[in-house]
């Protein structure tokens, strides 16, 4: 669900949205360097190191805490760029949480989430690691307990520009706010959907194909689309039907989670 309630004086939009995690994710590898250098050890096509959120997250934590240590960062990408699945935001949050532990900088969750907000509105929810109702620009978070279905996620071969979607004159910017109870009753409108449909025919085709098999929804501003299924077998059966889909659509099946895999990994590592 993504509702656009209005535009703030600073140009950002006031939103209502709901975040939930899935069990498919990038993998971030961190190694401490004694020389203070932050080095990216993986190549991500189209993303120079200086613009990479993981590098920016490490440097932000380093400057904020005055830490003299550095890090080598390697990311194994499993989520598509520009897919609306929060891969970059999640990777940045993982770097903040992981290096805070490895460097011994001792920041609490609230402080790390505050740093994450400087990198992007979606980073704080990945720092906190719990499914949430989001307001403000998405950073005002309230934990929520959601069903955890199996999802079929389709990955059209196009990256969606969030900035372009929010700049589009056709975007609805005056939706009335709703409550969590309204959402639970089925009000899950995404105000970005009409704009994305118009601007990105590949996403529109994916939505139309998936609508014949479930309730097709857009991941934030897209371009991935998804539908929920009661069981893994049903989701896998829908995925198998992709072989006959037009345009060479890709996809995968994932479980919905109310706790980020990052939380479980951190807890498994111990205090």
Protein backbone atom coordinates (compact mmCIF):
# COMPACT_ATOMS: atom_id res chain seq x y z
CA UNK A 1 0.00 0.00 0.00
CA UNK A 2 1.33 3.43 -0.92
CA UNK A 3 -0.73 6.57 -0.52
CA UNK A 4 0.56 10.04 -1.34
CA UNK A 5 -1.04 12.52 1.03
CA UNK A 6 0.65 15.71 -0.12
CA UNK A 7 3.92 17.45 -0.89
CA UNK A 8 6.03 19.05 1.83
CA UNK A 9 7.74 22.45 1.45
CA UNK A 10 11.09 20.66 0.99
CA UNK A 11 9.76 18.83 -2.08
CA UNK A 12 9.40 15.43 -0.44
CA UNK A 13 5.99 13.78 -0.31
CA UNK A 14 3.99 12.79 2.76
CA UNK A 15 3.15 9.12 2.52
CA UNK A 16 1.38 6.22 4.12
CA UNK A 17 2.82 2.82 3.31
CA UNK A 18 3.31 -0.70 4.66
CA UNK A 19 6.64 -2.52 4.72
CA UNK A 20 7.10 -6.27 4.87
CA UNK A 21 10.24 -8.31 4.24
CA UNK A 22 10.80 -11.37 2.06
CA UNK A 23 13.29 -14.18 2.46
CA UNK A 24 15.12 -13.36 -0.77
CA UNK A 25 17.88 -10.80 -0.33
CA UNK A 26 21.27 -9.58 -1.39
CA UNK A 27 24.25 -10.79 0.64
CA UNK A 28 26.66 -8.24 2.10
CA UNK A 29 30.18 -9.30 3.08
CA UNK A 30 32.15 -7.03 5.43
CA UNK A 31 35.80 -7.20 6.49
CA UNK A 32 37.50 -4.70 8.80
CA UNK A 33 40.51 -2.77 7.51
CA UNK A 34 42.96 -1.14 9.94
CA UNK A 35 43.92 1.66 7.52
CA UNK A 36 40.57 3.50 7.56
CA UNK A 37 39.88 2.99 3.85
CA UNK A 38 36.41 2.06 2.59
CA UNK A 39 36.76 -0.18 -0.46
CA UNK A 40 34.03 -1.78 -2.57
CA UNK A 41 35.09 -5.25 -3.71
CA UNK A 42 32.24 -5.98 -6.12
CA UNK A 43 31.22 -4.43 -9.41
CA UNK A 44 27.58 -3.37 -9.78
CA UNK A 45 26.88 -2.33 -13.39
CA UNK A 46 25.69 1.26 -13.61
CA UNK A 47 26.47 2.05 -9.96
CA UNK A 48 29.87 3.72 -9.40
CA UNK A 49 31.43 3.15 -6.00
CA UNK A 50 30.99 6.78 -4.92
CA UNK A 51 27.23 6.53 -5.49
CA UNK A 52 26.83 3.08 -3.92
CA UNK A 53 24.66 3.26 -0.80
CA UNK A 54 26.82 0.67 0.96
CA UNK A 55 29.95 2.80 0.54
CA UNK A 56 28.08 5.94 1.54
CA UNK A 57 26.67 4.16 4.61
CA UNK A 58 30.13 3.04 5.75
CA UNK A 59 31.59 6.52 5.34
CA UNK A 60 28.64 8.14 7.10
CA UNK A 61 29.06 5.84 10.12
CA UNK A 62 32.82 6.40 10.08
CA UNK A 63 32.49 10.20 10.10
CA UNK A 64 29.62 10.24 12.62
CA UNK A 65 31.50 8.12 15.16
CA UNK A 66 35.05 9.24 14.41
CA UNK A 67 36.06 5.63 13.89
CA UNK A 68 39.54 5.15 12.45
CA UNK A 69 38.86 1.68 11.06
CA UNK A 70 37.88 0.95 7.47
CA UNK A 71 36.15 -1.87 5.64
CA UNK A 72 36.10 -3.96 2.51
CA UNK A 73 32.52 -4.31 1.23
CA UNK A 74 31.31 -6.94 -1.22
CA UNK A 75 27.68 -7.30 -2.28
CA UNK A 76 26.27 -10.38 -3.99
CA UNK A 77 23.19 -9.00 -5.78
CA UNK A 78 20.12 -11.22 -5.90
CA UNK A 79 17.52 -8.46 -6.18
CA UNK A 80 17.06 -6.43 -9.38
CA UNK A 81 18.15 -2.80 -9.54
CA UNK A 82 15.21 -0.42 -9.86
CA UNK A 83 12.77 -3.13 -8.86
CA UNK A 84 11.24 -1.43 -5.83
CA UNK A 85 12.28 -4.28 -3.54
CA UNK A 86 14.50 -2.12 -1.33
CA UNK A 87 17.72 -3.92 -2.19
CA UNK A 88 19.94 -0.85 -2.04
CA UNK A 89 18.29 0.46 1.13
CA UNK A 90 18.56 -2.95 2.78
CA UNK A 91 22.23 -3.25 1.82
CA UNK A 92 22.94 0.19 3.30
CA UNK A 93 21.15 -0.75 6.52
CA UNK A 94 23.12 -3.99 6.70
CA UNK A 95 26.38 -2.06 6.42
CA UNK A 96 25.34 0.34 9.19
CA UNK A 97 24.29 -2.48 11.52
CA UNK A 98 27.20 -4.76 10.63
CA UNK A 99 29.99 -2.20 10.84
CA UNK A 100 28.55 -0.75 14.04
CA UNK A 101 29.09 -4.24 15.47
CA UNK A 102 32.45 -4.95 13.82
CA UNK A 103 33.92 -1.52 14.55
CA UNK A 104 32.55 -1.48 18.09
CA UNK A 105 31.07 1.99 17.60
CA UNK A 106 28.22 1.19 19.99
CA UNK A 107 25.33 3.10 18.42
CA UNK A 108 21.80 2.03 19.34
CA UNK A 109 19.04 1.22 16.88
CA UNK A 110 17.49 4.70 17.00
CA UNK A 111 20.83 6.36 16.22
CA UNK A 112 21.51 3.95 13.35
CA UNK A 113 18.02 4.51 11.94
CA UNK A 114 18.62 8.26 12.11
CA UNK A 115 21.82 7.86 10.11
CA UNK A 116 19.99 5.65 7.66
CA UNK A 117 17.42 8.36 7.02
CA UNK A 118 20.23 10.54 5.67
CA UNK A 119 20.78 7.90 2.99
CA UNK A 120 17.16 7.27 2.05
CA UNK A 121 13.65 7.16 3.48
CA UNK A 122 13.48 3.35 3.24
CA UNK A 123 16.73 2.65 5.11
CA UNK A 124 15.36 3.03 8.69
CA UNK A 125 12.84 0.19 8.35
CA UNK A 126 15.66 -2.15 7.30
CA UNK A 127 17.77 -1.00 10.25
CA UNK A 128 14.91 -1.78 12.64
CA UNK A 129 14.07 -5.03 10.87
CA UNK A 130 10.36 -5.30 11.71
CA UNK A 131 7.34 -5.12 9.43
CA UNK A 132 5.88 -1.68 9.83
CA UNK A 133 3.26 0.89 8.97
CA UNK A 134 5.13 3.93 7.67
CA UNK A 135 4.18 7.60 7.56
CA UNK A 136 5.98 10.91 7.01
CA UNK A 137 8.32 10.20 4.09
CA UNK A 138 8.21 6.57 5.20
CA UNK A 139 10.45 6.96 8.25
CA UNK A 140 7.74 7.27 10.96
CA UNK A 141 7.40 3.57 11.71
CA UNK A 142 4.94 1.57 13.78
CA UNK A 143 5.49 -2.18 14.08
CA UNK A 144 2.65 -4.27 12.70
CA UNK A 145 1.84 -7.97 12.61
CA UNK A 146 0.96 -9.01 9.06
CA UNK A 147 0.06 -12.34 7.49
CA UNK A 148 3.17 -14.02 6.07
CA UNK A 149 2.06 -15.55 2.78
CA UNK A 150 4.10 -16.86 -0.10
CA UNK A 151 4.64 -14.32 -2.86
CA UNK A 152 5.23 -14.66 -6.55
CA UNK A 153 7.37 -11.67 -7.54
CA UNK A 154 7.70 -10.79 -11.23
CA UNK A 155 10.76 -8.91 -12.44
CA UNK A 156 10.11 -6.99 -15.68
CA UNK A 157 13.29 -6.14 -17.58
CA UNK A 158 13.06 -2.44 -16.79
CA UNK A 159 14.22 -0.24 -13.94
CA UNK A 160 11.73 2.31 -12.63
CA UNK A 161 12.89 5.78 -11.62
CA UNK A 162 11.24 6.66 -8.32
CA UNK A 163 12.16 10.32 -8.85
CA UNK A 164 10.46 10.36 -12.25
CA UNK A 165 7.30 8.77 -10.86
CA UNK A 166 7.02 11.30 -8.04
CA UNK A 167 7.72 14.17 -10.45
CA UNK A 168 5.02 13.09 -12.90
CA UNK A 169 2.17 15.67 -13.05
CA UNK A 170 -0.37 12.84 -13.23
CA UNK A 171 0.56 11.46 -9.80
CA UNK A 172 -2.22 11.68 -7.21
CA UNK A 173 -0.89 13.84 -4.37
CA UNK A 174 -3.98 14.47 -2.24
CA UNK A 175 -5.18 11.07 -1.05
CA UNK A 176 -6.98 11.20 2.28
CA UNK A 177 -5.16 9.33 5.06
CA UNK A 178 -6.38 5.94 6.18
CA UNK A 179 -5.82 3.86 9.31
CA UNK A 180 -4.14 0.51 9.84
CA UNK A 181 -7.61 -0.93 10.34
CA UNK A 182 -8.64 0.34 6.89
CA UNK A 183 -5.60 -1.39 5.39
CA UNK A 184 -6.39 -4.63 7.21
CA UNK A 185 -9.89 -4.48 5.72
CA UNK A 186 -8.45 -4.38 2.22
CA UNK A 187 -7.67 -0.73 1.37
CA UNK A 188 -4.31 -1.35 -0.27
CA UNK A 189 -4.31 1.23 -3.06
CA UNK A 190 -1.00 2.31 -4.56
CA UNK A 191 -1.21 5.88 -5.87
CA UNK A 192 1.87 5.34 -8.04
CA UNK A 193 0.27 2.51 -10.01
CA UNK A 194 -1.48 4.55 -12.76
CA UNK A 195 1.68 6.58 -13.44
CA UNK A 196 3.90 3.48 -13.59
CA UNK A 197 1.43 1.72 -15.88
CA UNK A 198 1.51 4.66 -18.27
CA UNK A 199 5.28 5.20 -18.23
CA UNK A 200 6.43 1.57 -18.26
CA UNK A 201 4.57 -0.79 -20.62
CA UNK A 202 6.64 -3.78 -19.44
CA UNK A 203 5.34 -3.29 -15.90
CA UNK A 204 1.78 -2.92 -17.17
CA UNK A 205 2.13 -6.21 -19.06
CA UNK A 206 3.44 -7.96 -15.94
CA UNK A 207 0.53 -6.64 -13.87
CA UNK A 208 -1.98 -7.81 -16.49
CA UNK A 209 -0.43 -11.30 -16.67
CA UNK A 210 -0.32 -11.71 -12.90
CA UNK A 211 -3.87 -10.39 -12.44
CA UNK A 212 -5.15 -13.62 -14.00
CA UNK A 213 -3.58 -15.60 -11.16
CA UNK A 214 -3.96 -13.42 -8.06
CA UNK A 215 -4.29 -9.86 -6.80
CA UNK A 216 -1.45 -8.16 -8.66
CA UNK A 217 0.26 -5.31 -6.79
CA UNK A 218 3.18 -2.98 -7.40
CA UNK A 219 6.25 -2.95 -5.13
CA UNK A 220 6.32 0.68 -4.04
CA UNK A 221 7.01 2.50 -7.31
CA UNK A 222 7.96 -0.79 -9.00
CA UNK A 223 9.04 -2.11 -11.39
CA UNK A 224 8.53 -5.51 -9.71
CA UNK A 225 4.97 -6.70 -9.21
CA UNK A 226 3.72 -9.38 -6.86
CA UNK A 227 0.77 -11.44 -5.71
CA UNK A 228 0.21 -13.33 -2.48
CA UNK A 229 -0.58 -17.04 -2.33
CA UNK A 230 -1.75 -19.15 0.60
CA UNK A 231 0.93 -21.77 0.06
CA UNK A 232 4.33 -22.29 -1.56
CA UNK A 233 3.03 -24.88 -4.04
CA UNK A 234 0.42 -22.47 -5.40
CA UNK A 235 3.03 -19.75 -5.85
CA UNK A 236 5.41 -22.18 -7.57
CA UNK A 237 2.62 -23.32 -9.92
CA UNK A 238 2.03 -19.72 -10.95
CA UNK A 239 5.78 -19.24 -11.43
CA UNK A 240 5.92 -22.31 -13.70
CA UNK A 241 3.31 -20.71 -15.95
CA UNK A 242 5.78 -17.90 -16.70
CA UNK A 243 7.31 -20.09 -19.42
CA UNK A 244 4.43 -19.04 -21.65
CA UNK A 245 4.27 -15.41 -20.60
CA UNK A 246 4.89 -12.69 -23.19
CA UNK A 247 8.05 -10.61 -23.16
CA UNK A 248 10.30 -13.07 -21.32
CA UNK A 249 9.14 -12.14 -17.84
CA UNK A 250 11.29 -13.39 -14.97
CA UNK A 251 10.26 -14.04 -11.41
CA UNK A 252 10.81 -15.88 -8.15
CA UNK A 253 8.89 -17.18 -5.16
CA UNK A 254 9.59 -15.82 -1.67
CA UNK A 255 8.06 -16.05 1.78
CA UNK A 256 6.72 -12.93 3.46
CA UNK A 257 8.46 -12.16 6.77
CA UNK A 258 7.68 -9.82 9.65
CA UNK A 259 11.31 -9.97 10.81
CA UNK A 260 14.21 -9.12 8.57
CA UNK A 261 16.79 -11.89 8.02
CA UNK A 262 19.33 -9.31 9.24
CA UNK A 263 17.87 -9.39 12.77
CA UNK A 264 18.18 -13.15 12.98
CA UNK A 265 21.74 -13.04 11.64
CA UNK A 266 22.78 -10.40 14.16
CA UNK A 267 21.18 -12.32 17.01
CA UNK A 268 22.87 -15.53 15.88
CA UNK A 269 26.26 -13.77 16.05
CA UNK A 270 25.63 -12.96 19.71
CA UNK A 271 26.20 -9.71 21.60
